Amino acid sequence: MAPSTLQIKVNALKRLLKEEKLYKNEVTEQEQFVEQMKANKADEYEVKKQIEVLQESQRMVPEVTKKIADHKEALSQFLDAYKGDEDVTEAKALI
């Protein structure tokens, strides 16, 4: 059986929340790694490349956060108009 629209929206939001958490963890780990490389006087080129990786991760956090806000709004609007008989407690908890 194919997933319902409600299931798709809830799972998409859950995936984005997980993705945001992973990006935040990656930023923290990458910051520590860059600092460790600087402290160990690593090659400047390698440090520069790791800083670029860090900056890319930092740019992703606000993008994912915006997507989460958009998905929460869409899910909220969907729930307002929803007339089905599926359990909506998980969806409401995510909002």
PDB file of N, CA and C in Angstrom:
ATOM      1  N   MET A   1       0.837  -1.177   0.000  1.00  0.00           N
ATOM      2  CA  MET A   1       0.000   0.000   0.000  1.00  0.00           C
ATOM      3  C   MET A   1       0.888   1.248   0.000  1.00  0.00           C
ATOM      4  N   ALA A   2       0.529   2.180  -0.824  1.00  0.00           N
ATOM      5  CA  ALA A   2       1.297   3.421  -0.934  1.00  0.00           C
ATOM      6  C   ALA A   2       1.071   4.286   0.304  1.00  0.00           C
ATOM      7  N   PRO A   3       2.100   5.026   0.708  1.00  0.00           N
ATOM      8  CA  PRO A   3       1.923   5.904   1.876  1.00  0.00           C
ATOM      9  C   PRO A   3       0.946   7.033   1.557  1.00  0.00           C
ATOM     10  N   SER A   4       0.237   7.447   2.572  1.00  0.00           N
ATOM     11  CA  SER A   4      -0.720   8.539   2.403  1.00  0.00           C
ATOM     12  C   SER A   4       0.017   9.876   2.339  1.00  0.00           C
ATOM     13  N   THR A   5      -0.701  10.897   1.939  1.00  0.00           N
ATOM     14  CA  THR A   5      -0.129  12.244   1.880  1.00  0.00           C
ATOM     15  C   THR A   5       0.342  12.681   3.259  1.00  0.00           C
ATOM     16  N   LEU A   6      -0.423  12.345   4.281  1.00  0.00           N
ATOM     17  CA  LEU A   6      -0.034  12.691   5.655  1.00  0.00           C
ATOM     18  C   LEU A   6       1.277  12.007   6.025  1.00  0.00           C
ATOM     19  N   GLN A   7       1.408  10.723   5.719  1.00  0.00           N
ATOM     20  CA  GLN A   7       2.637   9.996   6.032  1.00  0.00           C
ATOM     21  C   GLN A   7       3.832  10.597   5.291  1.00  0.00           C
ATOM     22  N   ILE A   8       3.621  10.957   4.049  1.00  0.00           N
ATOM     23  CA  ILE A   8       4.709  11.546   3.248  1.00  0.00           C
ATOM     24  C   ILE A   8       5.169  12.862   3.863  1.00  0.00           C
ATOM     25  N   LYS A   9       4.224  13.714   4.239  1.00  0.00           N
ATOM     26  CA  LYS A   9       4.565  15.015   4.823  1.00  0.00           C
ATOM     27  C   LYS A   9       5.263  14.853   6.173  1.00  0.00           C
ATOM     28  N   VAL A  10       4.781  13.935   7.003  1.00  0.00           N
ATOM     29  CA  VAL A  10       5.389  13.697   8.317  1.00  0.00           C
ATOM     30  C   VAL A  10       6.804  13.139   8.147  1.00  0.00           C
ATOM     31  N   ASN A  11       6.970  12.169   7.254  1.00  0.00           N
ATOM     32  CA  ASN A  11       8.294  11.576   7.055  1.00  0.00           C
ATOM     33  C   ASN A  11       9.285  12.571   6.457  1.00  0.00           C
ATOM     34  N   ALA A  12       8.811  13.440   5.583  1.00  0.00           N
ATOM     35  CA  ALA A  12       9.691  14.463   5.003  1.00  0.00           C
ATOM     36  C   ALA A  12      10.181  15.417   6.088  1.00  0.00           C
ATOM     37  N   LEU A  13       9.273  15.814   6.974  1.00  0.00           N
ATOM     38  CA  LEU A  13       9.652  16.718   8.055  1.00  0.00           C
ATOM     39  C   LEU A  13      10.621  16.030   9.022  1.00  0.00           C
ATOM     40  N   LYS A  14      10.374  14.767   9.333  1.00  0.00           N
ATOM     41  CA  LYS A  14      11.273  14.026  10.218  1.00  0.00           C
ATOM     42  C   LYS A  14      12.669  13.908   9.605  1.00  0.00           C
ATOM     43  N   ARG A  15      12.720  13.665   8.294  1.00  0.00           N
ATOM     44  CA  ARG A  15      14.009  13.561   7.609  1.00  0.00           C
ATOM     45  C   ARG A  15      14.758  14.888   7.673  1.00  0.00           C
ATOM     46  N   LEU A  16      14.059  15.999   7.459  1.00  0.00           N
ATOM     47  CA  LEU A  16      14.706  17.312   7.516  1.00  0.00           C
ATOM     48  C   LEU A  16      15.206  17.634   8.920  1.00  0.00           C
ATOM     49  N   LEU A  17      14.446  17.269   9.936  1.00  0.00           N
ATOM     50  CA  LEU A  17      14.892  17.504  11.310  1.00  0.00           C
ATOM     51  C   LEU A  17      16.152  16.699  11.609  1.00  0.00           C
ATOM     52  N   LYS A  18      16.187  15.462  11.126  1.00  0.00           N
ATOM     53  CA  LYS A  18      17.370  14.619  11.315  1.00  0.00           C
ATOM     54  C   LYS A  18      18.561  15.203  10.554  1.00  0.00           C
ATOM     55  N   GLU A  19      18.306  15.675   9.339  1.00  0.00           N
ATOM     56  CA  GLU A  19      19.356  16.272   8.520  1.00  0.00           C
ATOM     57  C   GLU A  19      19.943  17.513   9.194  1.00  0.00           C
ATOM     58  N   GLU A  20      19.075  18.344   9.772  1.00  0.00           N
ATOM     59  CA  GLU A  20      19.539  19.543  10.463  1.00  0.00           C
ATOM     60  C   GLU A  20      20.447  19.174  11.631  1.00  0.00           C
ATOM     61  N   LYS A  21      20.046  18.182  12.395  1.00  0.00           N
ATOM     62  CA  LYS A  21      20.854  17.729  13.537  1.00  0.00           C
ATOM     63  C   LYS A  21      22.219  17.235  13.060  1.00  0.00           C
ATOM     64  N   LEU A  22      22.231  16.475  11.966  1.00  0.00           N
ATOM     65  CA  LEU A  22      23.492  15.957  11.435  1.00  0.00           C
ATOM     66  C   LEU A  22      24.408  17.086  10.952  1.00  0.00           C
ATOM     67  N   TYR A  23      23.835  18.081  10.289  1.00  0.00           N
ATOM     68  CA  TYR A  23      24.656  19.220   9.835  1.00  0.00           C
ATOM     69  C   TYR A  23      25.236  19.980  11.022  1.00  0.00           C
ATOM     70  N   LYS A  24      24.445  20.169  12.058  1.00  0.00           N
ATOM     71  CA  LYS A  24      24.954  20.873  13.234  1.00  0.00           C
ATOM     72  C   LYS A  24      26.087  20.084  13.893  1.00  0.00           C
ATOM     73  N   ASN A  25      25.929  18.767  13.973  1.00  0.00           N
ATOM     74  CA  ASN A  25      26.999  17.928  14.520  1.00  0.00           C
ATOM     75  C   ASN A  25      28.243  18.005  13.644  1.00  0.00           C
ATOM     76  N   GLU A  26      28.042  18.000  12.332  1.00  0.00           N
ATOM     77  CA  GLU A  26      29.161  18.075  11.405  1.00  0.00           C
ATOM     78  C   GLU A  26      29.918  19.393  11.565  1.00  0.00           C
ATOM     79  N   VAL A  27      29.189  20.483  11.748  1.00  0.00           N
ATOM     80  CA  VAL A  27      29.828  21.789  11.941  1.00  0.00           C
ATOM     81  C   VAL A  27      30.695  21.761  13.194  1.00  0.00           C
ATOM     82  N   THR A  28      30.150  21.235  14.271  1.00  0.00           N
ATOM     83  CA  THR A  28      30.900  21.170  15.528  1.00  0.00           C
ATOM     84  C   THR A  28      32.159  20.332  15.373  1.00  0.00           C
ATOM     85  N   GLU A  29      32.014  19.160  14.768  1.00  0.00           N
ATOM     86  CA  GLU A  29      33.165  18.277  14.577  1.00  0.00           C
ATOM     87  C   GLU A  29      34.201  18.908  13.655  1.00  0.00           C
ATOM     88  N   GLN A  30      33.738  19.553  12.598  1.00  0.00           N
ATOM     89  CA  GLN A  30      34.659  20.164  11.645  1.00  0.00           C
ATOM     90  C   GLN A  30      35.396  21.346  12.270  1.00  0.00           C
ATOM     91  N   GLU A  31      34.714  22.119  13.112  1.00  0.00           N
ATOM     92  CA  GLU A  31      35.381  23.228  13.808  1.00  0.00           C
ATOM     93  C   GLU A  31      36.507  22.697  14.684  1.00  0.00           C
ATOM     94  N   GLN A  32      36.232  21.630  15.398  1.00  0.00           N
ATOM     95  CA  GLN A  32      37.256  21.027  16.259  1.00  0.00           C
ATOM     96  C   GLN A  32      38.423  20.504  15.418  1.00  0.00           C
ATOM     97  N   PHE A  33      38.108  19.881  14.286  1.00  0.00           N
ATOM     98  CA  PHE A  33      39.146  19.330  13.420  1.00  0.00           C
ATOM     99  C   PHE A  33      40.040  20.434  12.871  1.00  0.00           C
ATOM    100  N   VAL A  34      39.439  21.539  12.438  1.00  0.00           N
ATOM    101  CA  VAL A  34      40.214  22.660  11.899  1.00  0.00           C
ATOM    102  C   VAL A  34      41.111  23.243  12.990  1.00  0.00           C
ATOM    103  N   GLU A  35      40.572  23.417  14.172  1.00  0.00           N
ATOM    104  CA  GLU A  35      41.375  23.948  15.278  1.00  0.00           C
ATOM    105  C   GLU A  35      42.540  23.015  15.609  1.00  0.00           C
ATOM    106  N   GLN A  36      42.272  21.724  15.573  1.00  0.00           N
ATOM    107  CA  GLN A  36      43.331  20.751  15.847  1.00  0.00           C
ATOM    108  C   GLN A  36      44.408  20.816  14.767  1.00  0.00           C
ATOM    109  N   MET A  37      43.988  20.967  13.517  1.00  0.00           N
ATOM    110  CA  MET A  37      44.958  21.078  12.420  1.00  0.00           C
ATOM    111  C   MET A  37      45.820  22.326  12.583  1.00  0.00           C
ATOM    112  N   LYS A  38      45.176  23.441  12.964  1.00  0.00           N
ATOM    113  CA  LYS A  38      45.935  24.680  13.173  1.00  0.00           C
ATOM    114  C   LYS A  38      46.915  24.529  14.321  1.00  0.00           C
ATOM    115  N   ALA A  39      46.471  23.888  15.394  1.00  0.00           N
ATOM    116  CA  ALA A  39      47.338  23.699  16.560  1.00  0.00           C
ATOM    117  C   ALA A  39      48.530  22.804  16.225  1.00  0.00           C
ATOM    118  N   ASN A  40      48.311  21.844  15.334  1.00  0.00           N
ATOM    119  CA  ASN A  40      49.385  20.926  14.942  1.00  0.00           C
ATOM    120  C   ASN A  40      50.208  21.455  13.772  1.00  0.00           C
ATOM    121  N   LYS A  41      49.935  22.704  13.385  1.00  0.00           N
ATOM    122  CA  LYS A  41      50.664  23.350  12.290  1.00  0.00           C
ATOM    123  C   LYS A  41      50.617  22.517  11.007  1.00  0.00           C
ATOM    124  N   ALA A  42      49.413  22.095  10.641  1.00  0.00           N
ATOM    125  CA  ALA A  42      49.232  21.308   9.425  1.00  0.00           C
ATOM    126  C   ALA A  42      49.482  22.179   8.197  1.00  0.00           C
ATOM    127  N   ASP A  43      49.603  21.539   7.057  1.00  0.00           N
ATOM    128  CA  ASP A  43      49.833  22.225   5.800  1.00  0.00           C
ATOM    129  C   ASP A  43      48.727  23.262   5.556  1.00  0.00           C
ATOM    130  N   GLU A  44      49.127  24.470   5.141  1.00  0.00           N
ATOM    131  CA  GLU A  44      48.165  25.557   4.949  1.00  0.00           C
ATOM    132  C   GLU A  44      47.071  25.197   3.939  1.00  0.00           C
ATOM    133  N   TYR A  45      47.455  24.505   2.870  1.00  0.00           N
ATOM    134  CA  TYR A  45      46.487  24.120   1.851  1.00  0.00           C
ATOM    135  C   TYR A  45      45.424  23.185   2.433  1.00  0.00           C
ATOM    136  N   GLU A  46      45.849  22.217   3.222  1.00  0.00           N
ATOM    137  CA  GLU A  46      44.913  21.272   3.839  1.00  0.00           C
ATOM    138  C   GLU A  46      43.977  21.994   4.817  1.00  0.00           C
ATOM    139  N   VAL A  47      44.527  22.913   5.585  1.00  0.00           N
ATOM    140  CA  VAL A  47      43.708  23.681   6.519  1.00  0.00           C
ATOM    141  C   VAL A  47      42.677  24.503   5.744  1.00  0.00           C
ATOM    142  N   LYS A  48      43.124  25.129   4.670  1.00  0.00           N
ATOM    143  CA  LYS A  48      42.226  25.940   3.845  1.00  0.00           C
ATOM    144  C   LYS A  48      41.075  25.087   3.296  1.00  0.00           C
ATOM    145  N   LYS A  49      41.385  23.896   2.818  1.00  0.00           N
ATOM    146  CA  LYS A  49      40.356  23.009   2.276  1.00  0.00           C
ATOM    147  C   LYS A  49      39.372  22.568   3.368  1.00  0.00           C
ATOM    148  N   GLN A  50      39.876  22.299   4.552  1.00  0.00           N
ATOM    149  CA  GLN A  50      38.989  21.897   5.649  1.00  0.00           C
ATOM    150  C   GLN A  50      38.110  23.060   6.090  1.00  0.00           C
ATOM    151  N   ILE A  51      38.625  24.275   6.003  1.00  0.00           N
ATOM    152  CA  ILE A  51      37.822  25.460   6.317  1.00  0.00           C
ATOM    153  C   ILE A  51      36.703  25.606   5.279  1.00  0.00           C
ATOM    154  N   GLU A  52      37.000  25.302   4.019  1.00  0.00           N
ATOM    155  CA  GLU A  52      35.966  25.338   2.988  1.00  0.00           C
ATOM    156  C   GLU A  52      34.870  24.309   3.275  1.00  0.00           C
ATOM    157  N   VAL A  53      35.263  23.134   3.720  1.00  0.00           N
ATOM    158  CA  VAL A  53      34.288  22.100   4.091  1.00  0.00           C
ATOM    159  C   VAL A  53      33.424  22.602   5.246  1.00  0.00           C
ATOM    160  N   LEU A  54      34.064  23.229   6.221  1.00  0.00           N
ATOM    161  CA  LEU A  54      33.346  23.781   7.370  1.00  0.00           C
ATOM    162  C   LEU A  54      32.351  24.851   6.923  1.00  0.00           C
ATOM    163  N   GLN A  55      32.777  25.738   6.059  1.00  0.00           N
ATOM    164  CA  GLN A  55      31.899  26.809   5.586  1.00  0.00           C
ATOM    165  C   GLN A  55      30.701  26.256   4.820  1.00  0.00           C
ATOM    166  N   GLU A  56      30.921  25.209   4.045  1.00  0.00           N
ATOM    167  CA  GLU A  56      29.817  24.596   3.306  1.00  0.00           C
ATOM    168  C   GLU A  56      28.792  24.005   4.282  1.00  0.00           C
ATOM    169  N   SER A  57      29.265  23.357   5.315  1.00  0.00           N
ATOM    170  CA  SER A  57      28.360  22.802   6.323  1.00  0.00           C
ATOM    171  C   SER A  57      27.607  23.921   7.036  1.00  0.00           C
ATOM    172  N   GLN A  58      28.301  24.998   7.336  1.00  0.00           N
ATOM    173  CA  GLN A  58      27.657  26.129   8.002  1.00  0.00           C
ATOM    174  C   GLN A  58      26.580  26.754   7.123  1.00  0.00           C
ATOM    175  N   ARG A  59      26.805  26.779   5.812  1.00  0.00           N
ATOM    176  CA  ARG A  59      25.801  27.325   4.893  1.00  0.00           C
ATOM    177  C   ARG A  59      24.569  26.429   4.811  1.00  0.00           C
ATOM    178  N   MET A  60      24.743  25.147   5.022  1.00  0.00           N
ATOM    179  CA  MET A  60      23.628  24.213   4.894  1.00  0.00           C
ATOM    180  C   MET A  60      22.645  24.315   6.065  1.00  0.00           C
ATOM    181  N   VAL A  61      23.121  24.665   7.247  1.00  0.00           N
ATOM    182  CA  VAL A  61      22.244  24.717   8.426  1.00  0.00           C
ATOM    183  C   VAL A  61      21.076  25.682   8.223  1.00  0.00           C
ATOM    184  N   PRO A  62      21.302  26.946   7.816  1.00  0.00           N
ATOM    185  CA  PRO A  62      20.150  27.841   7.625  1.00  0.00           C
ATOM    186  C   PRO A  62      19.225  27.391   6.490  1.00  0.00           C
ATOM    187  N   GLU A  63      19.795  26.778   5.452  1.00  0.00           N
ATOM    188  CA  GLU A  63      18.962  26.295   4.349  1.00  0.00           C
ATOM    189  C   GLU A  63      18.013  25.205   4.826  1.00  0.00           C
ATOM    190  N   VAL A  64      18.544  24.266   5.590  1.00  0.00           N
ATOM    191  CA  VAL A  64      17.706  23.175   6.104  1.00  0.00           C
ATOM    192  C   VAL A  64      16.702  23.719   7.110  1.00  0.00           C
ATOM    193  N   THR A  65      17.103  24.681   7.914  1.00  0.00           N
ATOM    194  CA  THR A  65      16.188  25.286   8.885  1.00  0.00           C
ATOM    195  C   THR A  65      15.016  25.965   8.165  1.00  0.00           C
ATOM    196  N   LYS A  66      15.292  26.637   7.057  1.00  0.00           N
ATOM    197  CA  LYS A  66      14.220  27.266   6.275  1.00  0.00           C
ATOM    198  C   LYS A  66      13.293  26.207   5.684  1.00  0.00           C
ATOM    199  N   LYS A  67      13.860  25.128   5.176  1.00  0.00           N
ATOM    200  CA  LYS A  67      13.037  24.045   4.637  1.00  0.00           C
ATOM    201  C   LYS A  67      12.139  23.453   5.719  1.00  0.00           C
ATOM    202  N   ILE A  68      12.672  23.327   6.930  1.00  0.00           N
ATOM    203  CA  ILE A  68      11.880  22.795   8.042  1.00  0.00           C
ATOM    204  C   ILE A  68      10.702  23.715   8.318  1.00  0.00           C
ATOM    205  N   ALA A  69      10.963  25.012   8.363  1.00  0.00           N
ATOM    206  CA  ALA A  69       9.883  25.970   8.613  1.00  0.00           C
ATOM    207  C   ALA A  69       8.822  25.879   7.521  1.00  0.00           C
ATOM    208  N   ASP A  70       9.253  25.759   6.272  1.00  0.00           N
ATOM    209  CA  ASP A  70       8.307  25.640   5.160  1.00  0.00           C
ATOM    210  C   ASP A  70       7.483  24.361   5.271  1.00  0.00           C
ATOM    211  N   HIS A  71       8.140  23.251   5.606  1.00  0.00           N
ATOM    212  CA  HIS A  71       7.431  21.973   5.739  1.00  0.00           C
ATOM    213  C   HIS A  71       6.470  21.996   6.931  1.00  0.00           C
ATOM    214  N   LYS A  72       6.869  22.639   8.012  1.00  0.00           N
ATOM    215  CA  LYS A  72       5.973  22.739   9.167  1.00  0.00           C
ATOM    216  C   LYS A  72       4.724  23.534   8.803  1.00  0.00           C
ATOM    217  N   GLU A  73       4.915  24.616   8.077  1.00  0.00           N
ATOM    218  CA  GLU A  73       3.775  25.434   7.652  1.00  0.00           C
ATOM    219  C   GLU A  73       2.857  24.642   6.728  1.00  0.00           C
ATOM    220  N   ALA A  74       3.447  23.920   5.776  1.00  0.00           N
ATOM    221  CA  ALA A  74       2.642  23.128   4.841  1.00  0.00           C
ATOM    222  C   ALA A  74       1.895  22.021   5.579  1.00  0.00           C
ATOM    223  N   LEU A  75       2.551  21.386   6.528  1.00  0.00           N
ATOM    224  CA  LEU A  75       1.905  20.332   7.308  1.00  0.00           C
ATOM    225  C   LEU A  75       0.783  20.899   8.159  1.00  0.00           C
ATOM    226  N   SER A  76       1.001  22.054   8.728  1.00  0.00           N
ATOM    227  CA  SER A  76      -0.030  22.701   9.536  1.00  0.00           C
ATOM    228  C   SER A  76      -1.257  23.017   8.694  1.00  0.00           C
ATOM    229  N   GLN A  77      -1.041  23.565   7.516  1.00  0.00           N
ATOM    230  CA  GLN A  77      -2.152  23.873   6.618  1.00  0.00           C
ATOM    231  C   GLN A  77      -2.867  22.599   6.180  1.00  0.00           C
ATOM    232  N   PHE A  78      -2.096  21.551   5.921  1.00  0.00           N
ATOM    233  CA  PHE A  78      -2.689  20.276   5.530  1.00  0.00           C
ATOM    234  C   PHE A  78      -3.569  19.726   6.649  1.00  0.00           C
ATOM    235  N   LEU A  79      -3.062  19.801   7.886  1.00  0.00           N
ATOM    236  CA  LEU A  79      -3.827  19.279   9.025  1.00  0.00           C
ATOM    237  C   LEU A  79      -5.102  20.086   9.257  1.00  0.00           C
ATOM    238  N   ASP A  80      -5.058  21.388   9.007  1.00  0.00           N
ATOM    239  CA  ASP A  80      -6.251  22.216   9.176  1.00  0.00           C
ATOM    240  C   ASP A  80      -7.376  21.771   8.241  1.00  0.00           C
ATOM    241  N   ALA A  81      -7.002  21.303   7.051  1.00  0.00           N
ATOM    242  CA  ALA A  81      -8.000  20.900   6.072  1.00  0.00           C
ATOM    243  C   ALA A  81      -8.237  19.386   6.054  1.00  0.00           C
ATOM    244  N   TYR A  82      -7.474  18.643   6.852  1.00  0.00           N
ATOM    245  CA  TYR A  82      -7.518  17.178   6.809  1.00  0.00           C
ATOM    246  C   TYR A  82      -8.804  16.637   7.422  1.00  0.00           C
ATOM    247  N   LYS A  83      -9.453  15.754   6.682  1.00  0.00           N
ATOM    248  CA  LYS A  83     -10.704  15.158   7.155  1.00  0.00           C
ATOM    249  C   LYS A  83     -10.607  13.634   7.243  1.00  0.00           C
ATOM    250  N   GLY A  84      -9.414  13.078   7.087  1.00  0.00           N
ATOM    251  CA  GLY A  84      -9.231  11.629   7.096  1.00  0.00           C
ATOM    252  C   GLY A  84      -9.314  11.045   8.491  1.00  0.00           C
ATOM    253  N   ASP A  85      -9.122   9.729   8.560  1.00  0.00           N
ATOM    254  CA  ASP A  85      -9.238   9.040   9.840  1.00  0.00           C
ATOM    255  C   ASP A  85      -7.893   8.545  10.376  1.00  0.00           C
ATOM    256  N   GLU A  86      -6.791   8.994   9.771  1.00  0.00           N
ATOM    257  CA  GLU A  86      -5.469   8.601  10.264  1.00  0.00           C
ATOM    258  C   GLU A  86      -5.150   9.329  11.562  1.00  0.00           C
ATOM    259  N   ASP A  87      -4.258   8.714  12.351  1.00  0.00           N
ATOM    260  CA  ASP A  87      -3.819   9.330  13.607  1.00  0.00           C
ATOM    261  C   ASP A  87      -2.888  10.501  13.275  1.00  0.00           C
ATOM    262  N   VAL A  88      -3.232  11.685  13.764  1.00  0.00           N
ATOM    263  CA  VAL A  88      -2.460  12.895  13.441  1.00  0.00           C
ATOM    264  C   VAL A  88      -1.626  13.374  14.634  1.00  0.00           C
ATOM    265  N   THR A  89      -1.532  12.583  15.697  1.00  0.00           N
ATOM    266  CA  THR A  89      -0.794  13.032  16.883  1.00  0.00           C
ATOM    267  C   THR A  89       0.685  13.238  16.584  1.00  0.00           C
ATOM    268  N   GLU A  90       1.288  12.351  15.792  1.00  0.00           N
ATOM    269  CA  GLU A  90       2.713  12.516  15.466  1.00  0.00           C
ATOM    270  C   GLU A  90       2.922  13.779  14.640  1.00  0.00           C
ATOM    271  N   ALA A  91       2.037  14.026  13.699  1.00  0.00           N
ATOM    272  CA  ALA A  91       2.149  15.229  12.863  1.00  0.00           C
ATOM    273  C   ALA A  91       2.025  16.481  13.717  1.00  0.00           C
ATOM    274  N   LYS A  92       1.082  16.497  14.642  1.00  0.00           N
ATOM    275  CA  LYS A  92       0.911  17.667  15.496  1.00  0.00           C
ATOM    276  C   LYS A  92       2.102  17.848  16.423  1.00  0.00           C
ATOM    277  N   ALA A  93       2.695  16.752  16.863  1.00  0.00           N
ATOM    278  CA  ALA A  93       3.866  16.832  17.741  1.00  0.00           C
ATOM    279  C   ALA A  93       5.055  17.438  16.995  1.00  0.00           C
ATOM    280  N   LEU A  94       5.173  17.179  15.710  1.00  0.00           N
ATOM    281  CA  LEU A  94       6.285  17.730  14.926  1.00  0.00           C
ATOM    282  C   LEU A  94       6.140  19.226  14.678  1.00  0.00           C
ATOM    283  N   ILE A  95       4.931  19.703  14.692  1.00  0.00           N
ATOM    284  CA  ILE A  95       4.689  21.128  14.467  1.00  0.00           C
ATOM    285  C   ILE A  95       4.946  21.836  15.763  1.00  0.00           C
TER     286      ILE A  95
END
